[in-house]
């Protein structure tokens, strides 16, 4: 169940970060509110995941996959450029998250 909480935290964090961009420096109150609530809910689910997943592993997954997710979202929705070098960096992030998880298999706390 903890990994489900972690996935939910990541998805909500990506939405909150996207809303932060759309808030236009907190001048659009709707997206400002969505962003603030989203971060709060995301941290709640992250804290639930931390009941069984070690903080280092959970944070590596949360921040790594969140970074990849927001890069892809920004590329698709905001039409932000992803250069070849950026794509290589994203591949390194995903690879790093996989390596961290394999290196910690069997360790829960």
PDB file of N, CA and C in Angstrom:
ATOM      1  N   UNK A   1       0.836  -1.203   0.000  1.00  0.00           N
ATOM      2  CA  UNK A   1       0.000   0.000   0.000  1.00  0.00           C
ATOM      3  C   UNK A   1       0.874   1.259   0.000  1.00  0.00           C
ATOM      4  N   UNK A   2       2.061   1.170   0.614  1.00  0.00           N
ATOM      5  CA  UNK A   2       2.900   2.372   0.693  1.00  0.00           C
ATOM      6  C   UNK A   2       3.309   2.880  -0.676  1.00  0.00           C
ATOM      7  N   UNK A   3       3.562   1.967  -1.604  1.00  0.00           N
ATOM      8  CA  UNK A   3       3.959   2.415  -2.940  1.00  0.00           C
ATOM      9  C   UNK A   3       2.783   3.048  -3.686  1.00  0.00           C
ATOM     10  N   UNK A   4       1.581   2.628  -3.366  1.00  0.00           N
ATOM     11  CA  UNK A   4       0.392   3.291  -3.941  1.00  0.00           C
ATOM     12  C   UNK A   4       0.310   4.718  -3.407  1.00  0.00           C
ATOM     13  N   UNK A   5       0.534   4.886  -2.103  1.00  0.00           N
ATOM     14  CA  UNK A   5       0.555   6.231  -1.526  1.00  0.00           C
ATOM     15  C   UNK A   5       1.630   7.086  -2.200  1.00  0.00           C
ATOM     16  N   UNK A   6       2.776   6.483  -2.447  1.00  0.00           N
ATOM     17  CA  UNK A   6       3.866   7.223  -3.078  1.00  0.00           C
ATOM     18  C   UNK A   6       3.505   7.648  -4.501  1.00  0.00           C
ATOM     19  N   UNK A   7       2.892   6.762  -5.257  1.00  0.00           N
ATOM     20  CA  UNK A   7       2.468   7.100  -6.629  1.00  0.00           C
ATOM     21  C   UNK A   7       1.444   8.228  -6.600  1.00  0.00           C
ATOM     22  N   UNK A   8       0.491   8.158  -5.682  1.00  0.00           N
ATOM     23  CA  UNK A   8      -0.511   9.227  -5.550  1.00  0.00           C
ATOM     24  C   UNK A   8       0.179  10.543  -5.208  1.00  0.00           C
ATOM     25  N   UNK A   9       1.144  10.509  -4.283  1.00  0.00           N
ATOM     26  CA  UNK A   9       1.886  11.717  -3.906  1.00  0.00           C
ATOM     27  C   UNK A   9       2.593  12.316  -5.114  1.00  0.00           C
ATOM     28  N   UNK A  10       3.189  11.475  -5.941  1.00  0.00           N
ATOM     29  CA  UNK A  10       3.916  11.946  -7.121  1.00  0.00           C
ATOM     30  C   UNK A  10       2.965  12.583  -8.124  1.00  0.00           C
ATOM     31  N   UNK A  11       1.859  11.918  -8.393  1.00  0.00           N
ATOM     32  CA  UNK A  11       0.887  12.446  -9.369  1.00  0.00           C
ATOM     33  C   UNK A  11       0.336  13.796  -8.907  1.00  0.00           C
ATOM     34  N   UNK A  12      -0.001  13.889  -7.635  1.00  0.00           N
ATOM     35  CA  UNK A  12      -0.543  15.147  -7.109  1.00  0.00           C
ATOM     36  C   UNK A  12       0.523  16.236  -7.114  1.00  0.00           C
ATOM     37  N   UNK A  13       1.771  15.871  -6.811  1.00  0.00           N
ATOM     38  CA  UNK A  13       2.859  16.857  -6.832  1.00  0.00           C
ATOM     39  C   UNK A  13       3.082  17.407  -8.238  1.00  0.00           C
ATOM     40  N   UNK A  14       2.977  16.559  -9.233  1.00  0.00           N
ATOM     41  CA  UNK A  14       3.102  17.019 -10.618  1.00  0.00           C
ATOM     42  C   UNK A  14       1.974  18.005 -10.946  1.00  0.00           C
ATOM     43  N   UNK A  15       0.760  17.688 -10.506  1.00  0.00           N
ATOM     44  CA  UNK A  15      -0.362  18.609 -10.701  1.00  0.00           C
ATOM     45  C   UNK A  15      -0.162  19.924  -9.962  1.00  0.00           C
ATOM     46  N   UNK A  16       0.354  19.851  -8.737  1.00  0.00           N
ATOM     47  CA  UNK A  16       0.585  21.064  -7.947  1.00  0.00           C
ATOM     48  C   UNK A  16       1.652  21.938  -8.594  1.00  0.00           C
ATOM     49  N   UNK A  17       2.708  21.321  -9.097  1.00  0.00           N
ATOM     50  CA  UNK A  17       3.768  22.091  -9.752  1.00  0.00           C
ATOM     51  C   UNK A  17       3.260  22.713 -11.048  1.00  0.00           C
ATOM     52  N   UNK A  18       2.440  21.992 -11.774  1.00  0.00           N
ATOM     53  CA  UNK A  18       1.834  22.542 -12.990  1.00  0.00           C
ATOM     54  C   UNK A  18       0.927  23.720 -12.653  1.00  0.00           C
ATOM     55  N   UNK A  19       0.199  23.600 -11.559  1.00  0.00           N
ATOM     56  CA  UNK A  19      -0.658  24.705 -11.108  1.00  0.00           C
ATOM     57  C   UNK A  19       0.179  25.892 -10.663  1.00  0.00           C
ATOM     58  N   UNK A  20       1.345  25.624 -10.081  1.00  0.00           N
ATOM     59  CA  UNK A  20       2.241  26.704  -9.668  1.00  0.00           C
ATOM     60  C   UNK A  20       2.661  27.531 -10.874  1.00  0.00           C
ATOM     61  N   UNK A  21       2.980  26.865 -11.972  1.00  0.00           N
ATOM     62  CA  UNK A  21       3.318  27.575 -13.217  1.00  0.00           C
ATOM     63  C   UNK A  21       2.115  28.392 -13.692  1.00  0.00           C
ATOM     64  N   UNK A  22       0.936  27.773 -13.660  1.00  0.00           N
ATOM     65  CA  UNK A  22      -0.276  28.441 -14.128  1.00  0.00           C
ATOM     66  C   UNK A  22      -0.730  29.558 -13.184  1.00  0.00           C
ATOM     67  N   UNK A  23      -0.235  29.566 -11.942  1.00  0.00           N
ATOM     68  CA  UNK A  23      -0.643  30.609 -10.988  1.00  0.00           C
ATOM     69  C   UNK A  23      -0.078  31.973 -11.355  1.00  0.00           C
ATOM     70  N   UNK A  24       0.905  31.973 -12.261  1.00  0.00           N
ATOM     71  CA  UNK A  24       1.509  33.217 -12.745  1.00  0.00           C
ATOM     72  C   UNK A  24       2.002  34.084 -11.579  1.00  0.00           C
ATOM     73  N   UNK A  25       2.875  33.467 -10.772  1.00  0.00           N
ATOM     74  CA  UNK A  25       3.443  34.204  -9.631  1.00  0.00           C
ATOM     75  C   UNK A  25       2.414  34.501  -8.558  1.00  0.00           C
ATOM     76  N   UNK A  26       1.494  33.576  -8.343  1.00  0.00           N
ATOM     77  CA  UNK A  26       0.408  33.704  -7.365  1.00  0.00           C
ATOM     78  C   UNK A  26      -0.562  34.832  -7.693  1.00  0.00           C
ATOM     79  N   UNK A  27      -0.651  35.229  -8.953  1.00  0.00           N
ATOM     80  CA  UNK A  27      -1.620  36.265  -9.331  1.00  0.00           C
ATOM     81  C   UNK A  27      -2.954  35.651  -9.773  1.00  0.00           C
ATOM     82  N   UNK A  28      -2.953  34.388 -10.143  1.00  0.00           N
ATOM     83  CA  UNK A  28      -4.198  33.698 -10.490  1.00  0.00           C
ATOM     84  C   UNK A  28      -4.591  32.872  -9.267  1.00  0.00           C
ATOM     85  N   UNK A  29      -5.601  33.329  -8.555  1.00  0.00           N
ATOM     86  CA  UNK A  29      -5.949  32.746  -7.264  1.00  0.00           C
ATOM     87  C   UNK A  29      -6.382  31.291  -7.367  1.00  0.00           C
ATOM     88  N   UNK A  30      -7.061  30.901  -8.453  1.00  0.00           N
ATOM     89  CA  UNK A  30      -7.524  29.525  -8.593  1.00  0.00           C
ATOM     90  C   UNK A  30      -6.336  28.555  -8.655  1.00  0.00           C
ATOM     91  N   UNK A  31      -5.368  28.862  -9.505  1.00  0.00           N
ATOM     92  CA  UNK A  31      -4.208  27.982  -9.630  1.00  0.00           C
ATOM     93  C   UNK A  31      -3.286  28.079  -8.415  1.00  0.00           C
ATOM     94  N   UNK A  32      -3.272  29.241  -7.760  1.00  0.00           N
ATOM     95  CA  UNK A  32      -2.521  29.377  -6.508  1.00  0.00           C
ATOM     96  C   UNK A  32      -3.098  28.432  -5.459  1.00  0.00           C
ATOM     97  N   UNK A  33      -4.400  28.431  -5.328  1.00  0.00           N
ATOM     98  CA  UNK A  33      -5.077  27.571  -4.364  1.00  0.00           C
ATOM     99  C   UNK A  33      -4.874  26.093  -4.708  1.00  0.00           C
ATOM    100  N   UNK A  34      -5.018  25.747  -5.983  1.00  0.00           N
ATOM    101  CA  UNK A  34      -4.794  24.364  -6.408  1.00  0.00           C
ATOM    102  C   UNK A  34      -3.364  23.918  -6.096  1.00  0.00           C
ATOM    103  N   UNK A  35      -2.420  24.808  -6.312  1.00  0.00           N
ATOM    104  CA  UNK A  35      -1.026  24.492  -6.049  1.00  0.00           C
ATOM    105  C   UNK A  35      -0.786  24.248  -4.560  1.00  0.00           C
ATOM    106  N   UNK A  36      -1.249  25.152  -3.726  1.00  0.00           N
ATOM    107  CA  UNK A  36      -1.026  25.024  -2.282  1.00  0.00           C
ATOM    108  C   UNK A  36      -1.717  23.791  -1.705  1.00  0.00           C
ATOM    109  N   UNK A  37      -2.949  23.559  -2.111  1.00  0.00           N
ATOM    110  CA  UNK A  37      -3.673  22.374  -1.641  1.00  0.00           C
ATOM    111  C   UNK A  37      -2.994  21.106  -2.174  1.00  0.00           C
ATOM    112  N   UNK A  38      -2.600  21.146  -3.439  1.00  0.00           N
ATOM    113  CA  UNK A  38      -1.943  19.990  -4.040  1.00  0.00           C
ATOM    114  C   UNK A  38      -0.666  19.609  -3.320  1.00  0.00           C
ATOM    115  N   UNK A  39       0.167  20.600  -2.986  1.00  0.00           N
ATOM    116  CA  UNK A  39       1.395  20.293  -2.256  1.00  0.00           C
ATOM    117  C   UNK A  39       1.081  19.709  -0.880  1.00  0.00           C
ATOM    118  N   UNK A  40       0.092  20.260  -0.204  1.00  0.00           N
ATOM    119  CA  UNK A  40      -0.291  19.725   1.110  1.00  0.00           C
ATOM    120  C   UNK A  40      -0.754  18.278   1.019  1.00  0.00           C
ATOM    121  N   UNK A  41      -1.605  17.984   0.045  1.00  0.00           N
ATOM    122  CA  UNK A  41      -2.107  16.619  -0.134  1.00  0.00           C
ATOM    123  C   UNK A  41      -0.966  15.679  -0.545  1.00  0.00           C
ATOM    124  N   UNK A  42      -0.091  16.169  -1.413  1.00  0.00           N
ATOM    125  CA  UNK A  42       1.043  15.358  -1.843  1.00  0.00           C
ATOM    126  C   UNK A  42       1.939  15.001  -0.660  1.00  0.00           C
ATOM    127  N   UNK A  43       2.235  15.970   0.191  1.00  0.00           N
ATOM    128  CA  UNK A  43       3.053  15.689   1.367  1.00  0.00           C
ATOM    129  C   UNK A  43       2.351  14.733   2.332  1.00  0.00           C
ATOM    130  N   UNK A  44       1.032  14.841   2.415  1.00  0.00           N
ATOM    131  CA  UNK A  44       0.283  13.907   3.259  1.00  0.00           C
ATOM    132  C   UNK A  44       0.495  12.473   2.756  1.00  0.00           C
ATOM    133  N   UNK A  45       0.305  12.253   1.452  1.00  0.00           N
ATOM    134  CA  UNK A  45       0.476  10.907   0.913  1.00  0.00           C
ATOM    135  C   UNK A  45       1.934  10.445   0.993  1.00  0.00           C
ATOM    136  N   UNK A  46       2.869  11.365   0.823  1.00  0.00           N
ATOM    137  CA  UNK A  46       4.276  11.017   0.999  1.00  0.00           C
ATOM    138  C   UNK A  46       4.522  10.564   2.442  1.00  0.00           C
ATOM    139  N   UNK A  47       3.941  11.265   3.399  1.00  0.00           N
ATOM    140  CA  UNK A  47       4.120  10.879   4.806  1.00  0.00           C
ATOM    141  C   UNK A  47       3.502   9.510   5.085  1.00  0.00           C
ATOM    142  N   UNK A  48       2.402   9.189   4.419  1.00  0.00           N
ATOM    143  CA  UNK A  48       1.796   7.865   4.581  1.00  0.00           C
ATOM    144  C   UNK A  48       2.720   6.787   4.008  1.00  0.00           C
ATOM    145  N   UNK A  49       3.358   7.085   2.876  1.00  0.00           N
ATOM    146  CA  UNK A  49       4.292   6.131   2.267  1.00  0.00           C
ATOM    147  C   UNK A  49       5.489   5.896   3.178  1.00  0.00           C
ATOM    148  N   UNK A  50       5.886   6.931   3.912  1.00  0.00           N
ATOM    149  CA  UNK A  50       7.067   6.833   4.774  1.00  0.00           C
ATOM    150  C   UNK A  50       6.853   5.922   5.986  1.00  0.00           C
ATOM    151  N   UNK A  51       5.643   5.466   6.198  1.00  0.00           N
ATOM    152  CA  UNK A  51       5.398   4.508   7.278  1.00  0.00           C
ATOM    153  C   UNK A  51       6.132   3.192   7.027  1.00  0.00           C
ATOM    154  N   UNK A  52       6.289   2.840   5.731  1.00  0.00           N
ATOM    155  CA  UNK A  52       6.927   1.562   5.406  1.00  0.00           C
ATOM    156  C   UNK A  52       8.133   1.683   4.481  1.00  0.00           C
ATOM    157  N   UNK A  53       8.261   2.800   3.789  1.00  0.00           N
ATOM    158  CA  UNK A  53       9.386   2.981   2.869  1.00  0.00           C
ATOM    159  C   UNK A  53      10.377   3.925   3.541  1.00  0.00           C
ATOM    160  N   UNK A  54      11.658   3.604   3.460  1.00  0.00           N
ATOM    161  CA  UNK A  54      12.646   4.481   4.084  1.00  0.00           C
ATOM    162  C   UNK A  54      12.622   5.852   3.414  1.00  0.00           C
ATOM    163  N   UNK A  55      12.925   6.864   4.183  1.00  0.00           N
ATOM    164  CA  UNK A  55      12.802   8.242   3.703  1.00  0.00           C
ATOM    165  C   UNK A  55      13.714   8.512   2.506  1.00  0.00           C
ATOM    166  N   UNK A  56      14.926   7.973   2.532  1.00  0.00           N
ATOM    167  CA  UNK A  56      15.847   8.197   1.412  1.00  0.00           C
ATOM    168  C   UNK A  56      15.332   7.608   0.114  1.00  0.00           C
ATOM    169  N   UNK A  57      14.813   6.393   0.185  1.00  0.00           N
ATOM    170  CA  UNK A  57      14.283   5.718  -1.004  1.00  0.00           C
ATOM    171  C   UNK A  57      13.020   6.413  -1.483  1.00  0.00           C
ATOM    172  N   UNK A  58      12.107   6.694  -0.574  1.00  0.00           N
ATOM    173  CA  UNK A  58      10.851   7.347  -0.952  1.00  0.00           C
ATOM    174  C   UNK A  58      11.118   8.711  -1.592  1.00  0.00           C
ATOM    175  N   UNK A  59      12.045   9.471  -0.997  1.00  0.00           N
ATOM    176  CA  UNK A  59      12.319  10.799  -1.537  1.00  0.00           C
ATOM    177  C   UNK A  59      13.019  10.709  -2.887  1.00  0.00           C
ATOM    178  N   UNK A  60      13.899   9.727  -3.057  1.00  0.00           N
ATOM    179  CA  UNK A  60      14.561   9.546  -4.353  1.00  0.00           C
ATOM    180  C   UNK A  60      13.531   9.252  -5.438  1.00  0.00           C
ATOM    181  N   UNK A  61      12.586   8.389  -5.127  1.00  0.00           N
ATOM    182  CA  UNK A  61      11.537   8.058  -6.097  1.00  0.00           C
ATOM    183  C   UNK A  61      10.639   9.264  -6.326  1.00  0.00           C
ATOM    184  N   UNK A  62      10.197   9.902  -5.253  1.00  0.00           N
ATOM    185  CA  UNK A  62       9.266  11.032  -5.342  1.00  0.00           C
ATOM    186  C   UNK A  62       9.867  12.180  -6.150  1.00  0.00           C
ATOM    187  N   UNK A  63      11.088  12.541  -5.809  1.00  0.00           N
ATOM    188  CA  UNK A  63      11.693  13.679  -6.505  1.00  0.00           C
ATOM    189  C   UNK A  63      12.123  13.309  -7.925  1.00  0.00           C
ATOM    190  N   UNK A  64      12.654  12.106  -8.106  1.00  0.00           N
ATOM    191  CA  UNK A  64      13.110  11.699  -9.439  1.00  0.00           C
ATOM    192  C   UNK A  64      11.974  11.544 -10.434  1.00  0.00           C
ATOM    193  N   UNK A  65      10.968  10.771 -10.048  1.00  0.00           N
ATOM    194  CA  UNK A  65       9.835  10.550 -10.956  1.00  0.00           C
ATOM    195  C   UNK A  65       9.023  11.833 -11.092  1.00  0.00           C
ATOM    196  N   UNK A  66       8.929  12.610 -10.020  1.00  0.00           N
ATOM    197  CA  UNK A  66       8.244  13.909 -10.109  1.00  0.00           C
ATOM    198  C   UNK A  66       8.924  14.842 -11.091  1.00  0.00           C
ATOM    199  N   UNK A  67      10.259  14.854 -11.068  1.00  0.00           N
ATOM    200  CA  UNK A  67      11.021  15.692 -12.000  1.00  0.00           C
ATOM    201  C   UNK A  67      10.779  15.256 -13.442  1.00  0.00           C
ATOM    202  N   UNK A  68      10.844  13.961 -13.675  1.00  0.00           N
ATOM    203  CA  UNK A  68      10.587  13.438 -15.022  1.00  0.00           C
ATOM    204  C   UNK A  68       9.157  13.769 -15.444  1.00  0.00           C
ATOM    205  N   UNK A  69       8.218  13.558 -14.545  1.00  0.00           N
ATOM    206  CA  UNK A  69       6.807  13.824 -14.859  1.00  0.00           C
ATOM    207  C   UNK A  69       6.548  15.274 -15.204  1.00  0.00           C
ATOM    208  N   UNK A  70       7.118  16.192 -14.427  1.00  0.00           N
ATOM    209  CA  UNK A  70       6.870  17.608 -14.708  1.00  0.00           C
ATOM    210  C   UNK A  70       7.579  18.043 -15.987  1.00  0.00           C
ATOM    211  N   UNK A  71       8.732  17.464 -16.276  1.00  0.00           N
ATOM    212  CA  UNK A  71       9.411  17.769 -17.552  1.00  0.00           C
ATOM    213  C   UNK A  71       8.538  17.339 -18.736  1.00  0.00           C
ATOM    214  N   UNK A  72       7.985  16.141 -18.645  1.00  0.00           N
ATOM    215  CA  UNK A  72       7.124  15.654 -19.727  1.00  0.00           C
ATOM    216  C   UNK A  72       5.841  16.469 -19.825  1.00  0.00           C
ATOM    217  N   UNK A  73       5.257  16.810 -18.671  1.00  0.00           N
ATOM    218  CA  UNK A  73       4.048  17.627 -18.665  1.00  0.00           C
ATOM    219  C   UNK A  73       4.314  18.991 -19.294  1.00  0.00           C
ATOM    220  N   UNK A  74       5.413  19.616 -18.901  1.00  0.00           N
ATOM    221  CA  UNK A  74       5.759  20.942 -19.442  1.00  0.00           C
ATOM    222  C   UNK A  74       6.018  20.868 -20.936  1.00  0.00           C
ATOM    223  N   UNK A  75       6.606  19.777 -21.386  1.00  0.00           N
ATOM    224  CA  UNK A  75       6.862  19.585 -22.815  1.00  0.00           C
ATOM    225  C   UNK A  75       5.548  19.428 -23.574  1.00  0.00           C
ATOM    226  N   UNK A  76       4.625  18.645 -23.021  1.00  0.00           N
ATOM    227  CA  UNK A  76       3.352  18.395 -23.699  1.00  0.00           C
ATOM    228  C   UNK A  76       2.387  19.577 -23.615  1.00  0.00           C
ATOM    229  N   UNK A  77       2.252  20.162 -22.431  1.00  0.00           N
ATOM    230  CA  UNK A  77       1.222  21.180 -22.211  1.00  0.00           C
ATOM    231  C   UNK A  77       1.738  22.584 -22.487  1.00  0.00           C
ATOM    232  N   UNK A  78       2.920  22.908 -21.950  1.00  0.00           N
ATOM    233  CA  UNK A  78       3.449  24.263 -22.099  1.00  0.00           C
ATOM    234  C   UNK A  78       4.372  24.416 -23.302  1.00  0.00           C
ATOM    235  N   UNK A  79       4.556  23.314 -24.032  1.00  0.00           N
ATOM    236  CA  UNK A  79       5.396  23.314 -25.246  1.00  0.00           C
ATOM    237  C   UNK A  79       6.828  23.756 -24.949  1.00  0.00           C
ATOM    238  N   UNK A  80       7.306  23.441 -23.732  1.00  0.00           N
ATOM    239  CA  UNK A  80       8.683  23.761 -23.392  1.00  0.00           C
ATOM    240  C   UNK A  80       9.616  22.780 -24.086  1.00  0.00           C
ATOM    241  N   UNK A  81      10.739  23.285 -24.532  1.00  0.00           N
ATOM    242  CA  UNK A  81      11.682  22.485 -25.302  1.00  0.00           C
ATOM    243  C   UNK A  81      12.415  21.479 -24.410  1.00  0.00           C
ATOM    244  N   UNK A  82      12.528  20.260 -24.906  1.00  0.00           N
ATOM    245  CA  UNK A  82      13.362  19.252 -24.262  1.00  0.00           C
ATOM    246  C   UNK A  82      14.467  18.900 -25.249  1.00  0.00           C
ATOM    247  N   UNK A  83      15.656  19.385 -24.983  1.00  0.00           N
ATOM    248  CA  UNK A  83      16.777  19.114 -25.881  1.00  0.00           C
ATOM    249  C   UNK A  83      17.224  17.661 -25.720  1.00  0.00           C
ATOM    250  N   UNK A  84      18.072  17.231 -26.621  1.00  0.00           N
ATOM    251  CA  UNK A  84      18.621  15.886 -26.548  1.00  0.00           C
ATOM    252  C   UNK A  84      19.351  15.681 -25.226  1.00  0.00           C
ATOM    253  N   UNK A  85      20.104  16.684 -24.814  1.00  0.00           N
ATOM    254  CA  UNK A  85      20.838  16.604 -23.539  1.00  0.00           C
ATOM    255  C   UNK A  85      19.850  16.490 -22.372  1.00  0.00           C
ATOM    256  N   UNK A  86      18.736  17.214 -22.431  1.00  0.00           N
ATOM    257  CA  UNK A  86      17.718  17.120 -21.378  1.00  0.00           C
ATOM    258  C   UNK A  86      17.128  15.719 -21.310  1.00  0.00           C
ATOM    259  N   UNK A  87      16.880  15.125 -22.464  1.00  0.00           N
ATOM    260  CA  UNK A  87      16.338  13.762 -22.505  1.00  0.00           C
ATOM    261  C   UNK A  87      17.343  12.779 -21.907  1.00  0.00           C
ATOM    262  N   UNK A  88      18.620  12.968 -22.207  1.00  0.00           N
ATOM    263  CA  UNK A  88      19.662  12.124 -21.612  1.00  0.00           C
ATOM    264  C   UNK A  88      19.635  12.271 -20.087  1.00  0.00           C
ATOM    265  N   UNK A  89      19.496  13.498 -19.601  1.00  0.00           N
ATOM    266  CA  UNK A  89      19.400  13.732 -18.162  1.00  0.00           C
ATOM    267  C   UNK A  89      18.209  13.028 -17.549  1.00  0.00           C
ATOM    268  N   UNK A  90      17.070  13.065 -18.226  1.00  0.00           N
ATOM    269  CA  UNK A  90      15.865  12.374 -17.743  1.00  0.00           C
ATOM    270  C   UNK A  90      16.117  10.868 -17.667  1.00  0.00           C
ATOM    271  N   UNK A  91      16.785  10.325 -18.683  1.00  0.00           N
ATOM    272  CA  UNK A  91      17.125   8.898 -18.670  1.00  0.00           C
ATOM    273  C   UNK A  91      18.028   8.585 -17.472  1.00  0.00           C
ATOM    274  N   UNK A  92      18.979   9.456 -17.175  1.00  0.00           N
ATOM    275  CA  UNK A  92      19.850   9.259 -16.016  1.00  0.00           C
ATOM    276  C   UNK A  92      19.045   9.289 -14.708  1.00  0.00           C
ATOM    277  N   UNK A  93      18.078  10.188 -14.620  1.00  0.00           N
ATOM    278  CA  UNK A  93      17.244  10.268 -13.413  1.00  0.00           C
ATOM    279  C   UNK A  93      16.490   8.959 -13.215  1.00  0.00           C
ATOM    280  N   UNK A  94      15.836   8.483 -14.271  1.00  0.00           N
ATOM    281  CA  UNK A  94      15.075   7.232 -14.178  1.00  0.00           C
ATOM    282  C   UNK A  94      16.009   6.070 -13.834  1.00  0.00           C
ATOM    283  N   UNK A  95      17.154   6.035 -14.486  1.00  0.00           N
ATOM    284  CA  UNK A  95      18.131   4.981 -14.204  1.00  0.00           C
ATOM    285  C   UNK A  95      18.589   5.046 -12.744  1.00  0.00           C
ATOM    286  N   UNK A  96      18.831   6.233 -12.251  1.00  0.00           N
ATOM    287  CA  UNK A  96      19.245   6.401 -10.858  1.00  0.00           C
ATOM    288  C   UNK A  96      18.189   5.917  -9.885  1.00  0.00           C
ATOM    289  N   UNK A  97      16.935   6.229 -10.150  1.00  0.00           N
ATOM    290  CA  UNK A  97      15.845   5.781  -9.275  1.00  0.00           C
ATOM    291  C   UNK A  97      15.774   4.249  -9.283  1.00  0.00           C
ATOM    292  N   UNK A  98      15.936   3.645 -10.446  1.00  0.00           N
ATOM    293  CA  UNK A  98      15.917   2.175 -10.540  1.00  0.00           C
ATOM    294  C   UNK A  98      17.081   1.576  -9.760  1.00  0.00           C
ATOM    295  N   UNK A  99      18.270   2.146  -9.924  1.00  0.00           N
ATOM    296  CA  UNK A  99      19.455   1.635  -9.223  1.00  0.00           C
ATOM    297  C   UNK A  99      19.289   1.762  -7.709  1.00  0.00           C
ATOM    298  N   UNK A 100      18.791   2.905  -7.261  1.00  0.00           N
ATOM    299  CA  UNK A 100      18.578   3.101  -5.821  1.00  0.00           C
ATOM    300  C   UNK A 100      17.613   2.046  -5.292  1.00  0.00           C
ATOM    301  N   UNK A 101      16.566   1.754  -6.039  1.00  0.00           N
ATOM    302  CA  UNK A 101      15.591   0.760  -5.583  1.00  0.00           C
ATOM    303  C   UNK A 101      16.168  -0.648  -5.583  1.00  0.00           C
ATOM    304  N   UNK A 102      16.913  -1.027  -6.584  1.00  0.00           N
ATOM    305  CA  UNK A 102      17.536  -2.348  -6.609  1.00  0.00           C
ATOM    306  C   UNK A 102      18.573  -2.482  -5.506  1.00  0.00           C
ATOM    307  N   UNK A 103      19.259  -1.421  -5.210  1.00  0.00           N
ATOM    308  CA  UNK A 103      20.270  -1.448  -4.159  1.00  0.00           C
ATOM    309  C   UNK A 103      19.673  -1.552  -2.775  1.00  0.00           C
ATOM    310  N   UNK A 104      18.381  -1.310  -2.654  1.00  0.00           N
ATOM    311  CA  UNK A 104      17.738  -1.299  -1.357  1.00  0.00           C
ATOM    312  C   UNK A 104      16.665  -2.389  -1.233  1.00  0.00           C
ATOM    313  N   UNK A 105      16.639  -3.326  -2.164  1.00  0.00           N
ATOM    314  CA  UNK A 105      15.619  -4.382  -2.117  1.00  0.00           C
ATOM    315  C   UNK A 105      15.761  -5.171  -0.825  1.00  0.00           C
ATOM    316  N   UNK A 106      14.627  -5.400  -0.190  1.00  0.00           N
ATOM    317  CA  UNK A 106      14.621  -6.155   1.055  1.00  0.00           C
ATOM    318  C   UNK A 106      14.773  -5.301   2.296  1.00  0.00           C
ATOM    319  N   UNK A 107      15.141  -4.024   2.137  1.00  0.00           N
ATOM    320  CA  UNK A 107      15.287  -3.107   3.270  1.00  0.00           C
ATOM    321  C   UNK A 107      14.054  -2.210   3.317  1.00  0.00           C
ATOM    322  N   UNK A 108      13.324  -2.246   4.431  1.00  0.00           N
ATOM    323  CA  UNK A 108      12.075  -1.487   4.499  1.00  0.00           C
ATOM    324  C   UNK A 108      12.171  -0.198   5.287  1.00  0.00           C
ATOM    325  N   UNK A 109      13.150  -0.068   6.168  1.00  0.00           N
ATOM    326  CA  UNK A 109      13.204   1.150   6.980  1.00  0.00           C
ATOM    327  C   UNK A 109      14.537   1.822   6.909  1.00  0.00           C
TER     328      UNK A 109
END
